[in-house]
Amino acid sequence: MNNNIENILEQFWLTKKESKIFVFLYQYGKKPASTIARAIWDERTNTYKSLQKMLRNGFISEITKDGTKLFFVADKQVFKYKLKAEIEEVEKKKNNLELLEKELEELEKESFAKKPGIVFFEWVDWIKNFYDDIIREISKKWYKLIKFFASNTLENHWVDKFWKYYPNFFDKLKKNKISVDIFLWNGISILEEIIKTNNVELDKLPAWNSSIQLFIFGDFVYIAIFKEIPYWIKIESEEYANIMHFLMKKIEIKK
């Protein structure tokens, strides 16, 4: 019978040893640690540690008689009260769960707002999407000027030109009355200088051999890198865009 009770007690916050202690005290009343240790076949120091834990959790009580501490079960309904308190605590947490989830959601939004939004556009299927996305963001925010930054070395010109990827992109910008400030990295085999110019056919700019294009406006920086397998990146970040705007401004001063 005792073993069955001890198994049940283990479902109510007590360890195996603590269950043995509780059953013993429930049956025999006030006892010192030494007597309890012998009854459960345990070392006195270990038993005393278990008794102290049970005291802290309110399962047993103690009194001192003739200088000896005696331990006992003070309230036979202790598990009922403890379970009631735990249920009330769970109900309280359940009531606050929706509020917690809302607060965490707001925190996540706040955290996400501080991170740069980065989108990768991959290979052929995404080429048009990349440039259409630029036009879409420009139109959405009513931007009237963008900065266009492109590499223009002789080696870049050997194979593909930009018109191959999106032949009417710059025409669309012009149709939407979007002005383009053009900055070129010029050179023979390496990038030797950066100039600001309007004297260039944009559709015939190189799109090969690691040539690069950057489109900068507002909080957006779009990067196109043309290689055997080209890729395109969209970055939405106020801090990053501000750095690029600042660098472009310095180039304008030194043109």
Protein backbone atom coordinates (compact mmCIF):
# COMPACT_ATOMS: atom_id res chain seq x y z
CA MET A 1 0.00 0.00 0.00
CA ASN A 2 2.79 2.44 0.96
CA ASN A 3 4.54 1.91 -2.35
CA ASN A 4 1.36 2.87 -4.20
CA ILE A 5 1.01 6.06 -2.13
CA GLU A 6 4.65 6.94 -2.75
CA ASN A 7 4.18 6.51 -6.50
CA ILE A 8 1.20 8.87 -6.40
CA LEU A 9 3.12 11.41 -4.30
CA GLU A 10 5.84 11.47 -6.94
CA GLN A 11 3.22 12.98 -9.26
CA PHE A 12 2.74 15.82 -6.76
CA TRP A 13 6.12 17.58 -6.72
CA LEU A 14 7.93 15.09 -4.40
CA THR A 15 10.95 12.95 -5.22
CA LYS A 16 11.06 9.25 -4.37
CA LYS A 17 12.94 9.94 -1.14
CA GLU A 18 10.67 12.83 -0.18
CA SER A 19 7.64 10.60 -0.78
CA LYS A 20 9.00 8.02 1.66
CA ILE A 21 9.62 10.76 4.24
CA PHE A 22 6.11 12.18 3.84
CA VAL A 23 4.43 8.76 4.23
CA PHE A 24 6.52 7.98 7.32
CA LEU A 25 5.72 11.31 9.01
CA TYR A 26 2.06 11.03 8.04
CA GLN A 27 1.86 7.64 9.78
CA TYR A 28 4.06 8.21 12.85
CA GLY A 29 3.87 11.92 13.57
CA LYS A 30 6.70 14.12 14.90
CA LYS A 31 10.13 12.53 14.43
CA PRO A 32 13.76 13.75 14.39
CA ALA A 33 15.93 13.50 11.28
CA SER A 34 17.92 10.56 12.67
CA THR A 35 14.78 8.43 13.16
CA ILE A 36 13.45 9.36 9.73
CA ALA A 37 16.80 8.45 8.11
CA ARG A 38 16.78 4.99 9.70
CA ALA A 39 13.16 4.43 8.68
CA ILE A 40 13.82 5.12 5.00
CA TRP A 41 17.28 3.51 5.01
CA ASP A 42 19.15 6.68 4.19
CA GLU A 43 22.15 8.61 5.55
CA ARG A 44 21.13 11.29 8.09
CA THR A 45 22.80 14.24 6.29
CA ASN A 46 21.07 13.45 3.01
CA THR A 47 17.76 12.98 4.80
CA TYR A 48 18.18 16.32 6.56
CA LYS A 49 18.72 18.08 3.20
CA SER A 50 15.50 16.54 1.89
CA LEU A 51 13.66 17.63 5.02
CA GLN A 52 14.87 21.22 4.60
CA LYS A 53 13.68 21.25 0.99
CA MET A 54 10.26 19.91 2.03
CA LEU A 55 10.07 22.60 4.71
CA ARG A 56 10.80 25.34 2.18
CA ASN A 57 8.09 24.01 -0.13
CA GLY A 58 5.55 23.80 2.68
CA PHE A 59 4.97 20.02 2.67
CA ILE A 60 6.03 19.52 6.29
CA SER A 61 6.64 21.63 9.39
CA GLU A 62 9.08 21.49 12.32
CA ILE A 63 9.19 22.25 16.04
CA THR A 64 12.06 22.13 18.55
CA LYS A 65 11.56 20.06 21.70
CA ASP A 66 14.29 19.67 24.32
CA GLY A 67 16.82 21.01 21.81
CA THR A 68 15.88 18.49 19.10
CA LYS A 69 14.16 19.39 15.86
CA LEU A 70 11.09 17.32 15.14
CA PHE A 71 9.49 17.15 11.71
CA PHE A 72 5.82 16.41 11.00
CA VAL A 73 2.94 16.82 8.55
CA ALA A 74 1.08 19.86 9.84
CA ASP A 75 -1.75 19.96 7.32
CA LYS A 76 -3.11 16.83 5.65
CA GLN A 77 -4.63 18.95 2.86
CA VAL A 78 -1.31 20.54 1.88
CA PHE A 79 -1.45 19.00 -1.61
CA LYS A 80 -4.95 20.30 -2.19
CA TYR A 81 -3.90 23.86 -1.28
CA LYS A 82 -0.71 23.65 -3.28
CA LEU A 83 -2.54 22.31 -6.32
CA LYS A 84 -5.15 25.07 -6.03
CA ALA A 85 -2.39 27.71 -5.91
CA GLU A 86 -0.70 26.16 -8.95
CA ILE A 87 -3.96 26.10 -10.91
CA GLU A 88 -4.54 29.77 -10.07
CA GLU A 89 -1.02 30.56 -11.22
CA VAL A 90 -1.56 28.67 -14.48
CA GLU A 91 -4.84 30.53 -15.06
CA LYS A 92 -3.08 33.82 -14.43
CA LYS A 93 -0.41 32.90 -16.99
CA LYS A 94 -3.06 31.79 -19.48
CA ASN A 95 -4.83 35.14 -19.10
CA ASN A 96 -1.56 36.97 -19.74
CA LEU A 97 -0.50 34.74 -22.63
CA GLU A 98 -2.32 36.76 -25.30
CA LEU A 99 -0.81 39.98 -23.96
CA LEU A 100 2.65 38.36 -23.91
CA GLU A 101 2.29 37.19 -27.51
CA LYS A 102 1.25 40.70 -28.64
CA GLU A 103 4.22 42.27 -26.83
CA LEU A 104 6.61 39.73 -28.38
CA GLU A 105 5.12 40.40 -31.80
CA GLU A 106 5.69 44.15 -31.38
CA LEU A 107 9.22 43.47 -30.18
CA GLU A 108 9.86 41.31 -33.23
CA LYS A 109 8.55 44.07 -35.53
CA GLU A 110 10.75 46.62 -33.80
CA SER A 111 13.77 44.33 -34.08
CA PHE A 112 13.03 43.55 -37.73
CA ALA A 113 12.70 47.27 -38.54
CA LYS A 114 16.28 47.78 -37.39
CA LYS A 115 17.64 45.07 -39.66
CA PRO A 116 18.37 45.69 -43.32
CA GLY A 117 15.92 44.00 -45.64
CA ILE A 118 17.91 41.92 -48.13
CA VAL A 119 16.48 40.11 -51.17
CA PHE A 120 18.47 38.01 -53.64
CA PHE A 121 17.31 37.72 -57.25
CA GLU A 122 18.67 34.65 -59.01
CA TRP A 123 19.55 34.02 -62.65
CA VAL A 124 17.31 34.44 -65.70
CA ASP A 125 13.83 34.15 -64.19
CA TRP A 126 14.57 36.95 -61.73
CA ILE A 127 16.39 39.44 -63.96
CA LYS A 128 13.28 41.27 -65.10
CA ASN A 129 11.83 41.08 -61.59
CA PHE A 130 14.91 42.83 -60.22
CA TYR A 131 14.64 45.82 -62.55
CA ASP A 132 10.84 45.91 -62.32
CA ASP A 133 11.23 46.01 -58.55
CA ILE A 134 13.43 49.10 -58.85
CA ILE A 135 10.77 50.88 -60.90
CA ARG A 136 8.05 49.72 -58.50
CA GLU A 137 9.85 51.08 -55.43
CA ILE A 138 10.66 54.35 -57.18
CA SER A 139 7.02 54.82 -58.19
CA LYS A 140 5.67 53.78 -54.80
CA LYS A 141 7.72 56.42 -52.93
CA TRP A 142 7.47 59.09 -55.67
CA TYR A 143 11.23 59.36 -56.13
CA LYS A 144 12.23 61.64 -59.00
CA LEU A 145 15.99 61.08 -58.98
CA ILE A 146 18.13 57.97 -58.67
CA LYS A 147 21.87 57.49 -58.66
CA PHE A 148 23.16 54.89 -61.08
CA PHE A 149 26.69 53.58 -60.57
CA ALA A 150 28.27 51.23 -63.15
CA SER A 151 31.67 49.72 -63.93
CA ASN A 152 32.94 50.49 -67.43
CA THR A 153 36.32 48.88 -68.08
CA LEU A 154 37.43 47.73 -71.51
CA GLU A 155 37.50 44.09 -70.40
CA ASN A 156 33.88 44.36 -69.24
CA HIS A 157 32.79 45.23 -72.78
CA TRP A 158 33.94 42.04 -74.47
CA VAL A 159 30.68 40.09 -74.47
CA ASP A 160 27.25 41.09 -73.12
CA LYS A 161 25.71 44.54 -72.93
CA PHE A 162 22.96 45.66 -70.56
CA TRP A 163 20.28 45.82 -73.29
CA LYS A 164 20.42 42.02 -73.47
CA TYR A 165 18.97 41.72 -69.97
CA TYR A 166 16.41 44.52 -69.97
CA PRO A 167 16.37 46.49 -73.23
CA ASN A 168 13.87 49.19 -72.22
CA PHE A 169 14.65 49.71 -68.53
CA PHE A 170 16.08 53.21 -68.88
CA ASP A 171 13.30 54.13 -71.31
CA LYS A 172 10.79 53.22 -68.60
CA LEU A 173 12.58 55.48 -66.14
CA LYS A 174 12.49 58.33 -68.64
CA LYS A 175 8.81 57.72 -69.37
CA ASN A 176 8.09 57.96 -65.63
CA LYS A 177 10.06 61.24 -65.53
CA ILE A 178 12.77 59.75 -63.33
CA SER A 179 16.10 61.55 -63.64
CA VAL A 180 19.28 59.46 -63.47
CA ASP A 181 22.61 60.68 -62.12
CA ILE A 182 25.22 58.49 -63.82
CA PHE A 183 28.53 57.56 -62.23
CA LEU A 184 31.03 55.38 -64.09
CA TRP A 185 34.00 53.37 -62.89
CA ASN A 186 36.30 53.67 -65.90
CA GLY A 187 39.49 51.88 -66.82
CA ILE A 188 41.16 49.41 -69.16
CA SER A 189 41.41 46.18 -67.16
CA ILE A 190 40.93 47.66 -63.68
CA LEU A 191 38.81 50.48 -62.25
CA GLU A 192 41.05 53.53 -62.50
CA GLU A 193 38.71 56.48 -62.02
CA ILE A 194 35.17 57.41 -61.04
CA ILE A 195 33.40 60.16 -62.96
CA LYS A 196 29.93 61.67 -63.08
CA THR A 197 28.67 61.97 -66.64
CA ASN A 198 25.65 62.13 -68.93
CA ASN A 199 27.62 61.28 -72.05
CA VAL A 200 27.01 57.53 -72.23
CA GLU A 201 24.54 55.12 -73.83
CA LEU A 202 23.19 53.34 -70.77
CA ASP A 203 21.80 50.32 -72.61
CA LYS A 204 25.26 49.61 -74.03
CA LEU A 205 27.04 49.51 -70.69
CA PRO A 206 28.83 46.18 -70.02
CA ALA A 207 27.03 43.29 -68.40
CA TRP A 208 29.78 40.70 -68.23
CA ASN A 209 33.11 39.78 -66.58
CA SER A 210 32.13 40.86 -63.04
CA SER A 211 30.83 44.25 -64.16
CA ILE A 212 28.73 45.94 -61.49
CA GLN A 213 25.68 48.20 -61.37
CA LEU A 214 24.32 50.03 -58.35
CA PHE A 215 21.01 51.86 -58.15
CA ILE A 216 20.67 54.13 -55.13
CA PHE A 217 17.57 56.05 -54.05
CA GLY A 218 15.92 56.74 -50.69
CA ASP A 219 16.63 53.84 -48.33
CA PHE A 220 17.31 51.41 -51.18
CA VAL A 221 20.50 50.09 -52.74
CA TYR A 222 20.21 47.62 -55.62
CA ILE A 223 23.35 45.77 -56.69
CA ALA A 224 23.74 43.83 -59.94
CA ILE A 225 26.85 41.72 -60.51
CA PHE A 226 27.20 40.27 -64.01
CA LYS A 227 29.18 37.05 -64.17
CA GLU A 228 28.75 33.73 -65.95
CA ILE A 229 26.01 33.18 -63.39
CA PRO A 230 24.91 36.74 -62.56
CA TYR A 231 23.08 37.73 -59.41
CA TRP A 232 21.21 40.73 -58.09
CA ILE A 233 20.73 42.01 -54.54
CA LYS A 234 18.20 44.44 -53.08
CA ILE A 235 19.11 46.09 -49.76
CA GLU A 236 16.62 48.22 -47.83
CA SER A 237 18.55 49.96 -45.06
CA GLU A 238 18.53 53.63 -44.12
CA GLU A 239 22.06 53.46 -42.65
CA TYR A 240 23.58 51.65 -45.65
CA ALA A 241 21.80 53.88 -48.18
CA ASN A 242 22.93 57.02 -46.34
CA ILE A 243 26.55 55.90 -46.65
CA MET A 244 26.14 55.36 -50.39
CA HIS A 245 24.42 58.74 -50.84
CA PHE A 246 27.29 60.39 -48.96
CA LEU A 247 29.92 58.71 -51.17
CA MET A 248 28.06 59.73 -54.32
CA LYS A 249 27.93 63.31 -53.09
CA LYS A 250 31.71 63.31 -52.63
CA ILE A 251 32.16 62.05 -56.19
CA GLU A 252 29.91 64.82 -57.49
CA ILE A 253 32.08 67.44 -55.79
CA LYS A 254 35.25 65.99 -57.37
CA LYS A 255 33.86 65.38 -60.87
